[in-house]
Amino acid sequence: MKKYHLLVLFLICFSFFKSYGQEEIKNKQSHFWKQVQFGGGIGLSFSDNFFSGSIAPSGVYRFSEKFATGVGLSVSYNSQKYVYESYVFGTSIVGLFNIIPQLQFSAEFEQLFITRNFEDSVIVTGCSTANCDESYWYPGLYLGAGFSSGPVTVGVRFDVLYDEYRSIYGSAYNPFVRVYF
């Protein structure tokens, strides 16, 4: 009979320690997700015979009130009737540093895969062949600064690797709006 008492006592203790361990793991997981913020951007642009649309979800882990890092994805489509269409797929890694709550500095590495398809009748400046369609990888390394108010940051970033012939942007300077919830 004494063996059964020890077995029951062992099972009760094991259950207590097991549930305590699971609760500890659950607390660690919930602490992690409390530090994660999601956000991103959506863009639409259109005019006479031109359309551009993009979506860029992202997420960051906030290590402290001053520092966060995260990843993002982006997809864009651009089209100018009778001229070209392009698809852009990308990923990025970003680091955010708030010296004070209202001032945010950022460093971001972006890797884009760009596909450009020109109409056969279009003559592209700098293109030596009749068909100027192309697909290529383009890296961007951005240093930025912005003003933060709550979950929104508005600012400008500078691409230190900017190449005017390969970039999808018209300038090395790009304005941005970041939103993280």
N, C-alpha and C. Protein backbone atom coordinates (compact mmCIF):
# COMPACT_ATOMS: atom_id res chain seq x y z
N MET A 1 0.81 -1.19 0.00
CA MET A 1 0.00 0.00 0.00
C MET A 1 0.86 1.27 0.00
N LYS A 2 2.00 1.18 0.66
CA LYS A 2 2.89 2.33 0.75
C LYS A 2 3.42 2.71 -0.64
N LYS A 3 3.62 1.71 -1.51
CA LYS A 3 4.11 1.98 -2.86
C LYS A 3 3.10 2.82 -3.64
N TYR A 4 1.81 2.53 -3.45
CA TYR A 4 0.78 3.28 -4.15
C TYR A 4 0.73 4.73 -3.68
N HIS A 5 0.96 4.96 -2.39
CA HIS A 5 0.99 6.32 -1.86
C HIS A 5 2.13 7.11 -2.48
N LEU A 6 3.29 6.45 -2.61
CA LEU A 6 4.43 7.12 -3.22
C LEU A 6 4.16 7.41 -4.71
N LEU A 7 3.52 6.44 -5.36
CA LEU A 7 3.19 6.63 -6.78
C LEU A 7 2.21 7.79 -6.96
N VAL A 8 1.18 7.85 -6.14
CA VAL A 8 0.20 8.94 -6.20
C VAL A 8 0.88 10.27 -5.89
N LEU A 9 1.72 10.30 -4.87
CA LEU A 9 2.45 11.51 -4.50
C LEU A 9 3.35 11.96 -5.65
N PHE A 10 4.04 11.00 -6.28
CA PHE A 10 4.91 11.30 -7.41
C PHE A 10 4.10 11.89 -8.58
N LEU A 11 2.95 11.28 -8.89
CA LEU A 11 2.12 11.77 -9.99
C LEU A 11 1.59 13.17 -9.71
N ILE A 12 1.19 13.44 -8.49
CA ILE A 12 0.71 14.77 -8.12
C ILE A 12 1.82 15.80 -8.28
N CYS A 13 3.01 15.46 -7.78
CA CYS A 13 4.15 16.39 -7.89
C CYS A 13 4.53 16.60 -9.36
N PHE A 14 4.56 15.50 -10.14
CA PHE A 14 4.91 15.61 -11.55
C PHE A 14 3.90 16.49 -12.29
N SER A 15 2.63 16.32 -11.99
CA SER A 15 1.58 17.14 -12.62
C SER A 15 1.75 18.61 -12.26
N PHE A 16 2.08 18.88 -11.01
CA PHE A 16 2.28 20.26 -10.57
C PHE A 16 3.45 20.89 -11.31
N PHE A 17 4.59 20.16 -11.35
CA PHE A 17 5.77 20.71 -12.01
C PHE A 17 5.55 20.85 -13.51
N LYS A 18 4.84 19.89 -14.10
CA LYS A 18 4.57 19.96 -15.53
C LYS A 18 3.69 21.16 -15.85
N SER A 19 2.62 21.36 -15.08
CA SER A 19 1.74 22.50 -15.35
C SER A 19 2.45 23.81 -15.05
N TYR A 20 3.30 23.84 -14.03
CA TYR A 20 4.07 25.04 -13.73
C TYR A 20 5.02 25.36 -14.89
N GLY A 21 5.69 24.33 -15.45
CA GLY A 21 6.60 24.52 -16.58
C GLY A 21 5.87 25.01 -17.81
N GLN A 22 4.67 24.46 -18.07
CA GLN A 22 3.90 24.90 -19.23
C GLN A 22 3.45 26.34 -19.06
N GLU A 23 3.08 26.71 -17.84
CA GLU A 23 2.68 28.09 -17.58
C GLU A 23 3.84 29.05 -17.81
N GLU A 24 5.05 28.62 -17.40
CA GLU A 24 6.23 29.45 -17.59
C GLU A 24 6.51 29.64 -19.08
N ILE A 25 6.39 28.57 -19.88
CA ILE A 25 6.59 28.66 -21.33
C ILE A 25 5.53 29.57 -21.94
N LYS A 26 4.28 29.43 -21.48
CA LYS A 26 3.20 30.26 -22.00
C LYS A 26 3.46 31.74 -21.70
N ASN A 27 3.98 32.03 -20.50
CA ASN A 27 4.29 33.41 -20.14
C ASN A 27 5.40 33.97 -21.02
N LYS A 28 6.42 33.15 -21.31
CA LYS A 28 7.51 33.61 -22.18
C LYS A 28 6.99 33.89 -23.58
N GLN A 29 6.12 33.00 -24.10
CA GLN A 29 5.56 33.21 -25.44
C GLN A 29 4.71 34.47 -25.48
N SER A 30 3.86 34.67 -24.50
CA SER A 30 3.01 35.85 -24.51
C SER A 30 3.85 37.12 -24.36
N HIS A 31 4.97 37.05 -23.61
CA HIS A 31 5.86 38.20 -23.49
C HIS A 31 6.46 38.53 -24.85
N PHE A 32 6.86 37.51 -25.61
CA PHE A 32 7.43 37.74 -26.94
C PHE A 32 6.43 38.47 -27.83
N TRP A 33 5.19 37.97 -27.89
CA TRP A 33 4.20 38.56 -28.79
C TRP A 33 3.75 39.95 -28.36
N LYS A 34 3.94 40.28 -27.09
CA LYS A 34 3.62 41.64 -26.64
C LYS A 34 4.61 42.65 -27.20
N GLN A 35 5.80 42.18 -27.57
CA GLN A 35 6.85 43.06 -28.09
C GLN A 35 6.82 43.16 -29.62
N VAL A 36 5.98 42.36 -30.28
CA VAL A 36 5.91 42.35 -31.74
C VAL A 36 4.86 43.35 -32.21
N GLN A 37 5.23 44.12 -33.23
CA GLN A 37 4.30 45.07 -33.84
C GLN A 37 4.23 44.79 -35.34
N PHE A 38 3.03 44.89 -35.89
CA PHE A 38 2.83 44.67 -37.32
C PHE A 38 2.41 45.97 -37.98
N GLY A 39 2.74 46.09 -39.25
CA GLY A 39 2.37 47.29 -39.99
C GLY A 39 2.68 47.11 -41.45
N GLY A 40 2.96 48.20 -42.11
CA GLY A 40 3.30 48.14 -43.52
C GLY A 40 2.74 49.31 -44.28
N GLY A 41 2.65 49.12 -45.59
CA GLY A 41 2.16 50.20 -46.42
C GLY A 41 1.41 49.68 -47.63
N ILE A 42 0.55 50.54 -48.15
CA ILE A 42 -0.21 50.26 -49.36
C ILE A 42 -0.07 51.50 -50.24
N GLY A 43 0.18 51.29 -51.52
CA GLY A 43 0.32 52.44 -52.41
C GLY A 43 -0.46 52.26 -53.70
N LEU A 44 -1.09 53.33 -54.12
CA LEU A 44 -1.79 53.37 -55.41
C LEU A 44 -1.45 54.69 -56.09
N SER A 45 -1.19 54.61 -57.38
CA SER A 45 -0.91 55.81 -58.14
C SER A 45 -1.43 55.58 -59.56
N PHE A 46 -2.16 56.55 -60.07
CA PHE A 46 -2.64 56.42 -61.44
C PHE A 46 -2.83 57.79 -62.05
N SER A 47 -2.65 57.81 -63.36
CA SER A 47 -2.86 59.03 -64.13
C SER A 47 -3.19 58.59 -65.55
N ASP A 48 -3.07 59.49 -66.50
CA ASP A 48 -3.37 59.18 -67.89
C ASP A 48 -2.55 57.98 -68.37
N ASN A 49 -3.18 56.85 -68.59
CA ASN A 49 -2.54 55.63 -69.09
C ASN A 49 -1.47 55.04 -68.18
N PHE A 50 -1.42 55.43 -66.90
CA PHE A 50 -0.43 54.90 -65.97
C PHE A 50 -1.12 54.37 -64.72
N PHE A 51 -0.62 53.24 -64.21
CA PHE A 51 -1.11 52.68 -62.95
C PHE A 51 0.06 52.07 -62.18
N SER A 52 0.03 52.27 -60.87
CA SER A 52 1.02 51.65 -59.99
C SER A 52 0.31 51.24 -58.70
N GLY A 53 0.56 50.02 -58.27
CA GLY A 53 -0.01 49.55 -57.01
C GLY A 53 1.01 48.73 -56.26
N SER A 54 1.03 48.88 -54.93
CA SER A 54 1.98 48.12 -54.12
C SER A 54 1.39 47.80 -52.76
N ILE A 55 1.87 46.72 -52.19
CA ILE A 55 1.51 46.34 -50.83
C ILE A 55 2.79 45.84 -50.16
N ALA A 56 3.01 46.27 -48.91
CA ALA A 56 4.26 45.96 -48.22
C ALA A 56 4.01 45.71 -46.74
N PRO A 57 3.61 44.48 -46.36
CA PRO A 57 3.44 44.19 -44.93
C PRO A 57 4.80 44.01 -44.25
N SER A 58 4.85 44.33 -42.97
CA SER A 58 6.10 44.16 -42.22
C SER A 58 5.79 43.95 -40.74
N GLY A 59 6.81 43.50 -40.04
CA GLY A 59 6.69 43.30 -38.59
C GLY A 59 8.02 43.60 -37.93
N VAL A 60 7.96 44.13 -36.72
CA VAL A 60 9.17 44.43 -35.96
C VAL A 60 9.04 43.87 -34.54
N TYR A 61 10.18 43.55 -33.96
CA TYR A 61 10.24 43.16 -32.56
C TYR A 61 10.88 44.31 -31.81
N ARG A 62 10.17 44.83 -30.82
CA ARG A 62 10.64 45.98 -30.06
C ARG A 62 11.42 45.47 -28.84
N PHE A 63 12.76 45.61 -28.91
CA PHE A 63 13.62 45.19 -27.80
C PHE A 63 13.48 46.10 -26.60
N SER A 64 13.27 47.38 -26.88
CA SER A 64 13.09 48.38 -25.83
C SER A 64 12.31 49.54 -26.45
N GLU A 65 12.08 50.59 -25.67
CA GLU A 65 11.39 51.76 -26.20
C GLU A 65 12.23 52.46 -27.27
N LYS A 66 13.55 52.22 -27.25
CA LYS A 66 14.44 52.91 -28.18
C LYS A 66 14.82 52.09 -29.40
N PHE A 67 14.81 50.75 -29.32
CA PHE A 67 15.34 49.93 -30.42
C PHE A 67 14.38 48.84 -30.84
N ALA A 68 14.23 48.67 -32.17
CA ALA A 68 13.41 47.60 -32.75
C ALA A 68 14.05 47.14 -34.05
N THR A 69 13.80 45.91 -34.40
CA THR A 69 14.27 45.37 -35.67
C THR A 69 13.21 44.44 -36.24
N GLY A 70 13.19 44.32 -37.57
CA GLY A 70 12.16 43.49 -38.17
C GLY A 70 12.39 43.19 -39.63
N VAL A 71 11.39 42.58 -40.24
CA VAL A 71 11.45 42.16 -41.63
C VAL A 71 10.20 42.61 -42.36
N GLY A 72 10.30 42.66 -43.68
CA GLY A 72 9.15 43.06 -44.49
C GLY A 72 9.18 42.39 -45.85
N LEU A 73 8.02 42.38 -46.48
CA LEU A 73 7.85 41.89 -47.85
C LEU A 73 7.22 42.99 -48.67
N SER A 74 7.42 42.96 -49.97
CA SER A 74 6.75 43.96 -50.82
C SER A 74 6.47 43.37 -52.19
N VAL A 75 5.36 43.82 -52.76
CA VAL A 75 4.96 43.43 -54.10
C VAL A 75 4.43 44.69 -54.78
N SER A 76 4.91 44.95 -56.00
CA SER A 76 4.45 46.13 -56.75
C SER A 76 4.17 45.75 -58.20
N TYR A 77 3.23 46.46 -58.78
CA TYR A 77 2.94 46.32 -60.20
C TYR A 77 2.83 47.73 -60.77
N ASN A 78 3.50 47.96 -61.90
CA ASN A 78 3.47 49.25 -62.59
C ASN A 78 3.17 49.03 -64.05
N SER A 79 2.38 49.92 -64.62
CA SER A 79 2.04 49.78 -66.04
C SER A 79 1.79 51.14 -66.65
N GLN A 80 2.41 51.37 -67.80
CA GLN A 80 2.10 52.55 -68.59
C GLN A 80 1.66 52.03 -69.95
N LYS A 81 0.41 52.31 -70.29
CA LYS A 81 -0.19 51.78 -71.50
C LYS A 81 0.66 52.11 -72.72
N TYR A 82 0.90 51.10 -73.55
CA TYR A 82 1.67 51.17 -74.78
C TYR A 82 3.17 51.40 -74.55
N VAL A 83 3.64 51.37 -73.30
CA VAL A 83 5.07 51.60 -73.04
C VAL A 83 5.69 50.40 -72.34
N TYR A 84 5.24 50.08 -71.11
CA TYR A 84 5.87 48.99 -70.36
C TYR A 84 4.94 48.53 -69.24
N GLU A 85 5.34 47.40 -68.63
CA GLU A 85 4.78 46.97 -67.36
C GLU A 85 5.91 46.34 -66.57
N SER A 86 5.83 46.44 -65.25
CA SER A 86 6.88 45.86 -64.42
C SER A 86 6.28 45.26 -63.16
N TYR A 87 6.97 44.25 -62.68
CA TYR A 87 6.63 43.58 -61.42
C TYR A 87 7.86 43.67 -60.52
N VAL A 88 7.62 43.95 -59.25
CA VAL A 88 8.71 44.06 -58.29
C VAL A 88 8.33 43.27 -57.05
N PHE A 89 9.21 42.33 -56.67
CA PHE A 89 9.03 41.53 -55.46
C PHE A 89 10.23 41.78 -54.57
N GLY A 90 10.00 41.99 -53.28
CA GLY A 90 11.13 42.30 -52.42
C GLY A 90 11.00 41.83 -50.99
N THR A 91 12.14 41.80 -50.33
CA THR A 91 12.21 41.55 -48.89
C THR A 91 13.11 42.62 -48.29
N SER A 92 12.94 42.85 -47.00
CA SER A 92 13.78 43.85 -46.35
C SER A 92 14.00 43.50 -44.88
N ILE A 93 15.09 44.04 -44.35
CA ILE A 93 15.41 43.94 -42.93
C ILE A 93 15.59 45.38 -42.47
N VAL A 94 14.96 45.74 -41.35
CA VAL A 94 15.01 47.12 -40.89
C VAL A 94 15.41 47.17 -39.41
N GLY A 95 16.17 48.20 -39.06
CA GLY A 95 16.50 48.50 -37.68
C GLY A 95 16.02 49.91 -37.38
N LEU A 96 15.30 50.07 -36.26
CA LEU A 96 14.75 51.38 -35.88
C LEU A 96 15.34 51.79 -34.55
N PHE A 97 15.73 53.06 -34.46
CA PHE A 97 16.30 53.58 -33.22
C PHE A 97 15.66 54.92 -32.90
N ASN A 98 14.97 55.00 -31.78
CA ASN A 98 14.34 56.24 -31.33
C ASN A 98 15.20 56.87 -30.24
N ILE A 99 15.92 57.94 -30.59
CA ILE A 99 16.73 58.65 -29.60
C ILE A 99 15.81 59.24 -28.53
N ILE A 100 14.76 59.89 -28.99
CA ILE A 100 13.66 60.35 -28.14
C ILE A 100 12.39 59.83 -28.82
N PRO A 101 11.27 59.76 -28.12
CA PRO A 101 10.07 59.17 -28.74
C PRO A 101 9.65 59.81 -30.06
N GLN A 102 9.95 61.09 -30.28
CA GLN A 102 9.51 61.78 -31.49
C GLN A 102 10.49 61.69 -32.65
N LEU A 103 11.72 61.23 -32.42
CA LEU A 103 12.74 61.20 -33.47
C LEU A 103 13.22 59.78 -33.70
N GLN A 104 13.02 59.27 -34.93
CA GLN A 104 13.38 57.89 -35.25
C GLN A 104 14.41 57.86 -36.37
N PHE A 105 15.52 57.14 -36.13
CA PHE A 105 16.50 56.87 -37.17
C PHE A 105 16.32 55.42 -37.62
N SER A 106 16.61 55.17 -38.90
CA SER A 106 16.44 53.80 -39.40
C SER A 106 17.56 53.43 -40.35
N ALA A 107 17.81 52.13 -40.40
CA ALA A 107 18.72 51.53 -41.38
C ALA A 107 17.96 50.35 -41.95
N GLU A 108 17.92 50.26 -43.28
CA GLU A 108 17.12 49.22 -43.92
C GLU A 108 17.86 48.66 -45.13
N PHE A 109 17.93 47.33 -45.19
CA PHE A 109 18.47 46.68 -46.38
C PHE A 109 17.31 46.04 -47.12
N GLU A 110 17.20 46.36 -48.41
CA GLU A 110 16.10 45.87 -49.23
C GLU A 110 16.68 45.14 -50.45
N GLN A 111 16.15 43.96 -50.73
CA GLN A 111 16.57 43.21 -51.92
C GLN A 111 15.35 43.03 -52.81
N LEU A 112 15.41 43.58 -54.03
CA LEU A 112 14.27 43.55 -54.95
C LEU A 112 14.57 42.70 -56.17
N PHE A 113 13.55 41.98 -56.65
CA PHE A 113 13.63 41.31 -57.94
C PHE A 113 12.70 42.07 -58.87
N ILE A 114 13.27 42.62 -59.94
CA ILE A 114 12.55 43.51 -60.84
C ILE A 114 12.43 42.87 -62.22
N THR A 115 11.24 42.90 -62.77
CA THR A 115 11.00 42.44 -64.14
C THR A 115 10.36 43.58 -64.90
N ARG A 116 10.99 44.00 -65.99
CA ARG A 116 10.47 45.07 -66.83
C ARG A 116 10.22 44.52 -68.24
N ASN A 117 9.02 44.75 -68.73
CA ASN A 117 8.65 44.31 -70.08
C ASN A 117 8.18 45.52 -70.88
N PHE A 118 8.95 45.87 -71.92
CA PHE A 118 8.62 47.02 -72.75
C PHE A 118 7.86 46.56 -73.99
N GLU A 119 6.99 47.42 -74.47
CA GLU A 119 6.29 47.16 -75.74
C GLU A 119 7.33 47.12 -76.85
N ASP A 120 7.09 46.34 -77.89
CA ASP A 120 8.06 46.19 -78.98
C ASP A 120 8.33 47.50 -79.71
N SER A 121 7.37 48.39 -79.75
CA SER A 121 7.52 49.64 -80.51
C SER A 121 8.24 50.74 -79.73
N VAL A 122 8.55 50.50 -78.45
CA VAL A 122 9.15 51.53 -77.60
C VAL A 122 10.67 51.51 -77.75
N ILE A 123 11.26 52.70 -77.90
CA ILE A 123 12.71 52.84 -77.93
C ILE A 123 13.14 53.32 -76.56
N VAL A 124 13.99 52.53 -75.92
CA VAL A 124 14.43 52.84 -74.55
C VAL A 124 15.82 53.45 -74.62
N THR A 125 15.98 54.61 -73.97
CA THR A 125 17.27 55.28 -73.95
C THR A 125 18.31 54.38 -73.28
N GLY A 126 19.46 54.24 -73.91
CA GLY A 126 20.54 53.44 -73.35
C GLY A 126 20.44 51.97 -73.67
N CYS A 127 19.44 51.56 -74.41
CA CYS A 127 19.25 50.16 -74.75
C CYS A 127 19.86 49.92 -76.13
N SER A 128 20.79 48.97 -76.24
CA SER A 128 21.49 48.74 -77.51
C SER A 128 20.82 47.67 -78.37
N THR A 129 19.82 46.98 -77.83
CA THR A 129 19.15 45.95 -78.62
C THR A 129 17.70 46.34 -78.85
N ALA A 130 17.05 45.64 -79.75
CA ALA A 130 15.65 45.94 -80.05
C ALA A 130 14.75 45.56 -78.88
N ASN A 131 15.10 44.51 -78.15
CA ASN A 131 14.28 44.07 -77.02
C ASN A 131 14.98 44.44 -75.72
N CYS A 132 14.41 45.37 -74.97
CA CYS A 132 15.03 45.85 -73.73
C CYS A 132 14.42 45.23 -72.48
N ASP A 133 13.59 44.20 -72.64
CA ASP A 133 13.01 43.53 -71.46
C ASP A 133 14.14 43.02 -70.58
N GLU A 134 13.91 43.08 -69.27
CA GLU A 134 14.96 42.62 -68.36
C GLU A 134 14.37 42.16 -67.04
N SER A 135 15.10 41.29 -66.38
CA SER A 135 14.80 40.83 -65.02
C SER A 135 16.11 40.82 -64.26
N TYR A 136 16.13 41.40 -63.08
CA TYR A 136 17.37 41.49 -62.33
C TYR A 136 17.10 41.72 -60.84
N TRP A 137 18.13 41.50 -60.04
CA TRP A 137 18.08 41.76 -58.60
C TRP A 137 18.68 43.14 -58.35
N TYR A 138 18.08 43.87 -57.43
CA TYR A 138 18.59 45.21 -57.10
C TYR A 138 18.61 45.38 -55.57
N PRO A 139 19.77 45.65 -54.99
CA PRO A 139 19.84 45.89 -53.55
C PRO A 139 19.71 47.38 -53.23
N GLY A 140 19.16 47.66 -52.07
CA GLY A 140 19.09 49.03 -51.58
C GLY A 140 19.49 49.06 -50.12
N LEU A 141 20.31 50.01 -49.74
CA LEU A 141 20.70 50.19 -48.34
C LEU A 141 20.32 51.62 -47.96
N TYR A 142 19.30 51.74 -47.11
CA TYR A 142 18.71 53.04 -46.78
C TYR A 142 19.07 53.47 -45.37
N LEU A 143 19.42 54.72 -45.24
CA LEU A 143 19.58 55.37 -43.95
C LEU A 143 18.51 56.45 -43.90
N GLY A 144 17.73 56.48 -42.81
CA GLY A 144 16.62 57.41 -42.77
C GLY A 144 16.43 58.08 -41.43
N ALA A 145 15.61 59.11 -41.45
CA ALA A 145 15.24 59.83 -40.24
C ALA A 145 13.79 60.27 -40.39
N GLY A 146 13.07 60.24 -39.27
CA GLY A 146 11.67 60.62 -39.35
C GLY A 146 11.13 61.12 -38.03
N PHE A 147 9.97 61.75 -38.11
CA PHE A 147 9.25 62.26 -36.95
C PHE A 147 8.17 61.25 -36.59
N SER A 148 8.15 60.83 -35.32
CA SER A 148 7.16 59.84 -34.85
C SER A 148 6.12 60.49 -33.97
N SER A 149 4.89 60.04 -34.17
CA SER A 149 3.78 60.44 -33.31
C SER A 149 2.88 59.22 -33.15
N GLY A 150 2.95 58.59 -32.00
CA GLY A 150 2.19 57.37 -31.78
C GLY A 150 2.74 56.26 -32.67
N PRO A 151 1.85 55.54 -33.36
CA PRO A 151 2.33 54.43 -34.21
C PRO A 151 2.82 54.86 -35.59
N VAL A 152 2.76 56.16 -35.91
CA VAL A 152 3.08 56.65 -37.25
C VAL A 152 4.41 57.40 -37.24
N THR A 153 5.26 57.10 -38.25
CA THR A 153 6.51 57.84 -38.45
C THR A 153 6.54 58.33 -39.89
N VAL A 154 6.83 59.62 -40.07
CA VAL A 154 6.93 60.23 -41.39
C VAL A 154 8.35 60.77 -41.53
N GLY A 155 8.99 60.43 -42.66
CA GLY A 155 10.36 60.90 -42.83
C GLY A 155 10.89 60.70 -44.22
N VAL A 156 12.21 60.72 -44.33
CA VAL A 156 12.88 60.52 -45.61
C VAL A 156 14.04 59.55 -45.39
N ARG A 157 14.32 58.75 -46.43
CA ARG A 157 15.44 57.81 -46.37
C ARG A 157 16.31 58.01 -47.60
N PHE A 158 17.60 57.67 -47.46
CA PHE A 158 18.57 57.85 -48.53
C PHE A 158 19.20 56.50 -48.87
N ASP A 159 19.19 56.13 -50.15
CA ASP A 159 19.77 54.87 -50.62
C ASP A 159 21.25 55.09 -50.93
N VAL A 160 22.13 54.54 -50.09
CA VAL A 160 23.57 54.73 -50.30
C VAL A 160 24.09 53.89 -51.47
N LEU A 161 23.31 52.91 -51.96
CA LEU A 161 23.70 52.08 -53.11
C LEU A 161 22.98 52.49 -54.39
N TYR A 162 22.40 53.65 -54.40
CA TYR A 162 21.54 54.08 -55.51
C TYR A 162 22.25 54.03 -56.87
N ASP A 163 21.57 53.45 -57.86
CA ASP A 163 22.04 53.40 -59.24
C ASP A 163 20.89 53.92 -60.10
N GLU A 164 21.06 55.08 -60.70
CA GLU A 164 19.96 55.72 -61.43
C GLU A 164 19.44 54.89 -62.61
N TYR A 165 20.24 53.97 -63.14
CA TYR A 165 19.79 53.17 -64.29
C TYR A 165 19.09 51.88 -63.87
N ARG A 166 19.31 51.39 -62.66
CA ARG A 166 18.76 50.11 -62.24
C ARG A 166 17.66 50.25 -61.18
N SER A 167 17.66 51.32 -60.44
CA SER A 167 16.70 51.50 -59.35
C SER A 167 15.29 51.72 -59.90
N ILE A 168 14.30 51.31 -59.13
CA ILE A 168 12.91 51.58 -59.52
C ILE A 168 12.48 52.96 -59.05
N TYR A 169 13.32 53.61 -58.24
CA TYR A 169 13.00 54.93 -57.72
C TYR A 169 13.71 56.00 -58.55
N GLY A 170 13.09 57.17 -58.66
CA GLY A 170 13.63 58.26 -59.45
C GLY A 170 14.76 59.01 -58.79
N SER A 171 14.97 58.79 -57.50
CA SER A 171 15.99 59.52 -56.76
C SER A 171 16.51 58.64 -55.63
N ALA A 172 17.68 58.97 -55.11
CA ALA A 172 18.23 58.25 -53.95
C ALA A 172 17.47 58.61 -52.68
N TYR A 173 16.78 59.75 -52.68
CA TYR A 173 15.98 60.18 -51.53
C TYR A 173 14.54 59.70 -51.72
N ASN A 174 13.99 59.03 -50.71
CA ASN A 174 12.62 58.54 -50.78
C ASN A 174 11.87 58.93 -49.52
N PRO A 175 10.73 59.60 -49.64
CA PRO A 175 9.91 59.85 -48.45
C PRO A 175 9.25 58.54 -48.01
N PHE A 176 8.91 58.43 -46.74
CA PHE A 176 8.24 57.24 -46.25
C PHE A 176 7.24 57.59 -45.15
N VAL A 177 6.28 56.71 -44.99
CA VAL A 177 5.34 56.74 -43.86
C VAL A 177 5.33 55.33 -43.31
N ARG A 178 5.70 55.16 -42.04
CA ARG A 178 5.70 53.86 -41.38
C ARG A 178 4.60 53.83 -40.34
N VAL A 179 3.87 52.73 -40.30
CA VAL A 179 2.82 52.56 -39.29
C VAL A 179 3.00 51.18 -38.67
N TYR A 180 3.14 51.12 -37.34
CA TYR A 180 3.23 49.84 -36.60
C TYR A 180 2.26 49.86 -35.44
N PHE A 181 1.50 48.78 -35.34
CA PHE A 181 0.52 48.63 -34.25
C PHE A 181 0.95 47.54 -33.30
